[in-house]
Amino acid sequence: MDKNFFVTGTVTYAVKGREALRRNGIKAYTQRSFAADRIGCGYGIVAVGNIQNILSILGKADVKVLDVKSIDNNSN
């Protein structure tokens, strides 16, 4: 499964999006982005699954996604 970071820019959108994804059975958690990548106050959602499906759920929940970054699944 693909693991991606969905940049929302605000903690409010990140929490709202995380809850929408969880309600739809998608493993997700909020995370602050790295300093070099920050947009807004720098929050986003880490989620595992199909990008298009996740973006669809977030869109229906009125969560603005500013960017999507792939996370290396081999790094821990």
N, C-alpha and C. Protein backbone atom coordinates (compact mmCIF):
# COMPACT_ATOMS: atom_id res chain seq x y z
N MET A 1 0.83 -1.19 0.00
CA MET A 1 0.00 0.00 0.00
C MET A 1 0.87 1.25 0.00
N ASP A 2 0.39 2.29 -0.64
CA ASP A 2 1.12 3.54 -0.71
C ASP A 2 0.92 4.35 0.56
N LYS A 3 2.02 4.92 1.08
CA LYS A 3 1.98 5.78 2.25
C LYS A 3 2.35 7.18 1.79
N ASN A 4 1.45 8.14 2.03
CA ASN A 4 1.66 9.50 1.55
C ASN A 4 1.36 10.52 2.63
N PHE A 5 1.97 11.70 2.46
CA PHE A 5 1.73 12.83 3.35
C PHE A 5 0.90 13.85 2.58
N PHE A 6 -0.30 14.13 3.08
CA PHE A 6 -1.22 15.07 2.45
C PHE A 6 -1.10 16.39 3.21
N VAL A 7 -0.51 17.39 2.58
CA VAL A 7 -0.27 18.68 3.21
C VAL A 7 -1.58 19.47 3.25
N THR A 8 -2.00 19.83 4.47
CA THR A 8 -3.23 20.61 4.63
C THR A 8 -2.94 22.04 5.03
N GLY A 9 -1.78 22.28 5.62
CA GLY A 9 -1.41 23.64 6.01
C GLY A 9 -1.87 24.04 7.39
N THR A 10 -3.02 23.53 7.86
CA THR A 10 -3.49 23.87 9.20
C THR A 10 -3.81 22.60 9.98
N VAL A 11 -3.65 22.71 11.28
CA VAL A 11 -3.96 21.57 12.14
C VAL A 11 -5.46 21.26 12.10
N THR A 12 -6.29 22.27 11.92
CA THR A 12 -7.75 22.06 11.86
C THR A 12 -8.12 21.16 10.69
N TYR A 13 -7.60 21.44 9.51
CA TYR A 13 -7.87 20.60 8.34
C TYR A 13 -7.26 19.21 8.51
N ALA A 14 -6.09 19.15 9.14
CA ALA A 14 -5.43 17.85 9.34
C ALA A 14 -6.27 16.94 10.24
N VAL A 15 -6.78 17.48 11.33
CA VAL A 15 -7.59 16.68 12.25
C VAL A 15 -8.92 16.30 11.60
N LYS A 16 -9.55 17.25 10.93
CA LYS A 16 -10.81 16.98 10.23
C LYS A 16 -10.62 15.89 9.17
N GLY A 17 -9.55 15.97 8.41
CA GLY A 17 -9.27 14.99 7.39
C GLY A 17 -8.94 13.63 7.95
N ARG A 18 -8.14 13.61 9.01
CA ARG A 18 -7.79 12.34 9.66
C ARG A 18 -9.05 11.60 10.11
N GLU A 19 -9.97 12.33 10.73
CA GLU A 19 -11.20 11.70 11.21
C GLU A 19 -12.07 11.20 10.06
N ALA A 20 -12.14 11.95 8.97
CA ALA A 20 -12.92 11.52 7.80
C ALA A 20 -12.34 10.23 7.22
N LEU A 21 -11.02 10.17 7.14
CA LEU A 21 -10.37 8.97 6.60
C LEU A 21 -10.59 7.78 7.52
N ARG A 22 -10.46 7.97 8.82
CA ARG A 22 -10.67 6.88 9.77
C ARG A 22 -12.10 6.34 9.70
N ARG A 23 -13.06 7.25 9.55
CA ARG A 23 -14.47 6.83 9.41
C ARG A 23 -14.67 5.96 8.18
N ASN A 24 -13.79 6.13 7.20
CA ASN A 24 -13.87 5.35 5.96
C ASN A 24 -12.91 4.17 5.95
N GLY A 25 -12.39 3.81 7.10
CA GLY A 25 -11.54 2.62 7.23
C GLY A 25 -10.11 2.78 6.75
N ILE A 26 -9.64 4.01 6.65
CA ILE A 26 -8.27 4.25 6.19
C ILE A 26 -7.40 4.64 7.37
N LYS A 27 -6.27 3.95 7.51
CA LYS A 27 -5.32 4.25 8.58
C LYS A 27 -4.71 5.62 8.31
N ALA A 28 -4.86 6.55 9.26
CA ALA A 28 -4.36 7.90 9.06
C ALA A 28 -4.00 8.54 10.40
N TYR A 29 -3.00 9.42 10.37
CA TYR A 29 -2.66 10.20 11.55
C TYR A 29 -2.13 11.56 11.13
N THR A 30 -2.22 12.54 12.03
CA THR A 30 -1.73 13.87 11.73
C THR A 30 -0.25 13.96 12.07
N GLN A 31 0.42 14.85 11.35
CA GLN A 31 1.85 15.03 11.58
C GLN A 31 2.25 16.43 11.14
N ARG A 32 3.20 17.00 11.84
CA ARG A 32 3.76 18.29 11.43
C ARG A 32 4.81 18.02 10.37
N SER A 33 4.82 18.83 9.34
CA SER A 33 5.78 18.61 8.25
C SER A 33 7.16 19.14 8.64
N PHE A 34 8.16 18.73 7.88
CA PHE A 34 9.52 19.19 8.12
C PHE A 34 9.63 20.67 7.82
N ALA A 35 10.51 21.36 8.52
CA ALA A 35 10.66 22.81 8.40
C ALA A 35 10.82 23.27 6.96
N ALA A 36 11.59 22.55 6.17
CA ALA A 36 11.86 22.96 4.78
C ALA A 36 10.62 22.84 3.90
N ASP A 37 9.67 22.00 4.32
CA ASP A 37 8.48 21.75 3.50
C ASP A 37 7.23 22.46 4.00
N ARG A 38 7.33 23.29 5.01
CA ARG A 38 6.14 23.85 5.65
C ARG A 38 5.39 24.81 4.74
N ILE A 39 4.08 24.59 4.73
CA ILE A 39 3.15 25.50 4.08
C ILE A 39 2.13 25.86 5.15
N GLY A 40 1.85 27.14 5.34
CA GLY A 40 0.96 27.53 6.43
C GLY A 40 1.63 27.20 7.75
N CYS A 41 0.85 26.61 8.69
CA CYS A 41 1.46 26.24 9.97
C CYS A 41 2.07 24.84 9.90
N GLY A 42 2.03 24.21 8.73
CA GLY A 42 2.82 23.02 8.49
C GLY A 42 2.26 21.69 8.94
N TYR A 43 0.97 21.53 8.92
CA TYR A 43 0.39 20.24 9.31
C TYR A 43 -0.17 19.49 8.12
N GLY A 44 -0.27 18.18 8.31
CA GLY A 44 -0.83 17.34 7.27
C GLY A 44 -1.26 16.00 7.82
N ILE A 45 -1.61 15.11 6.91
CA ILE A 45 -2.12 13.79 7.26
C ILE A 45 -1.25 12.75 6.58
N VAL A 46 -0.81 11.77 7.36
CA VAL A 46 -0.15 10.61 6.79
C VAL A 46 -1.21 9.54 6.67
N ALA A 47 -1.37 9.01 5.47
CA ALA A 47 -2.40 7.99 5.23
C ALA A 47 -1.87 6.91 4.31
N VAL A 48 -2.39 5.71 4.53
CA VAL A 48 -2.00 4.55 3.73
C VAL A 48 -3.18 4.14 2.87
N GLY A 49 -2.96 4.11 1.55
CA GLY A 49 -4.02 3.71 0.63
C GLY A 49 -3.88 4.38 -0.71
N ASN A 50 -4.90 4.20 -1.53
CA ASN A 50 -4.95 4.76 -2.87
C ASN A 50 -5.10 6.28 -2.81
N ILE A 51 -4.20 7.01 -3.45
CA ILE A 51 -4.21 8.47 -3.40
C ILE A 51 -5.54 9.05 -3.88
N GLN A 52 -6.03 8.57 -5.01
CA GLN A 52 -7.27 9.13 -5.56
C GLN A 52 -8.45 8.91 -4.62
N ASN A 53 -8.51 7.74 -3.99
CA ASN A 53 -9.58 7.45 -3.03
C ASN A 53 -9.48 8.38 -1.83
N ILE A 54 -8.26 8.55 -1.32
CA ILE A 54 -8.06 9.43 -0.17
C ILE A 54 -8.41 10.87 -0.51
N LEU A 55 -7.98 11.35 -1.66
CA LEU A 55 -8.31 12.72 -2.08
C LEU A 55 -9.81 12.91 -2.24
N SER A 56 -10.50 11.88 -2.72
CA SER A 56 -11.95 11.95 -2.86
C SER A 56 -12.63 12.09 -1.50
N ILE A 57 -12.20 11.30 -0.54
CA ILE A 57 -12.77 11.37 0.81
C ILE A 57 -12.50 12.74 1.43
N LEU A 58 -11.27 13.22 1.30
CA LEU A 58 -10.92 14.52 1.86
C LEU A 58 -11.72 15.64 1.18
N GLY A 59 -11.91 15.54 -0.12
CA GLY A 59 -12.69 16.53 -0.84
C GLY A 59 -14.13 16.58 -0.36
N LYS A 60 -14.73 15.41 -0.17
CA LYS A 60 -16.12 15.33 0.33
C LYS A 60 -16.25 15.89 1.73
N ALA A 61 -15.14 15.83 2.50
CA ALA A 61 -15.13 16.36 3.87
C ALA A 61 -14.73 17.85 3.90
N ASP A 62 -14.59 18.46 2.72
CA ASP A 62 -14.18 19.87 2.59
C ASP A 62 -12.82 20.16 3.23
N VAL A 63 -11.90 19.22 3.08
CA VAL A 63 -10.54 19.40 3.57
C VAL A 63 -9.67 19.81 2.39
N LYS A 64 -9.05 20.97 2.51
CA LYS A 64 -8.18 21.48 1.44
C LYS A 64 -6.82 20.80 1.51
N VAL A 65 -6.43 20.16 0.43
CA VAL A 65 -5.12 19.53 0.34
C VAL A 65 -4.25 20.39 -0.57
N LEU A 66 -3.13 20.87 -0.03
CA LEU A 66 -2.24 21.76 -0.77
C LEU A 66 -1.20 21.02 -1.59
N ASP A 67 -0.82 19.82 -1.12
CA ASP A 67 0.21 19.04 -1.80
C ASP A 67 0.15 17.60 -1.30
N VAL A 68 0.69 16.68 -2.08
CA VAL A 68 0.80 15.28 -1.68
C VAL A 68 2.24 14.85 -1.88
N LYS A 69 2.84 14.29 -0.82
CA LYS A 69 4.23 13.84 -0.90
C LYS A 69 4.28 12.36 -0.56
N SER A 70 5.03 11.61 -1.38
CA SER A 70 5.20 10.18 -1.14
C SER A 70 6.17 9.97 0.02
N ILE A 71 5.87 9.00 0.85
CA ILE A 71 6.75 8.64 1.96
C ILE A 71 7.39 7.30 1.63
N ASP A 72 8.70 7.24 1.79
CA ASP A 72 9.44 6.01 1.52
C ASP A 72 9.00 4.94 2.52
N ASN A 73 8.38 3.88 2.04
CA ASN A 73 7.87 2.82 2.89
C ASN A 73 8.99 2.00 3.54
N ASN A 74 10.22 2.14 3.10
CA ASN A 74 11.32 1.37 3.67
C ASN A 74 12.01 2.07 4.83
N SER A 75 11.68 3.35 5.05
CA SER A 75 12.33 4.09 6.14
C SER A 75 11.48 4.00 7.39
N ASN A 76 12.13 3.75 8.51
CA ASN A 76 11.42 3.68 9.82
C ASN A 76 12.14 4.50 10.83
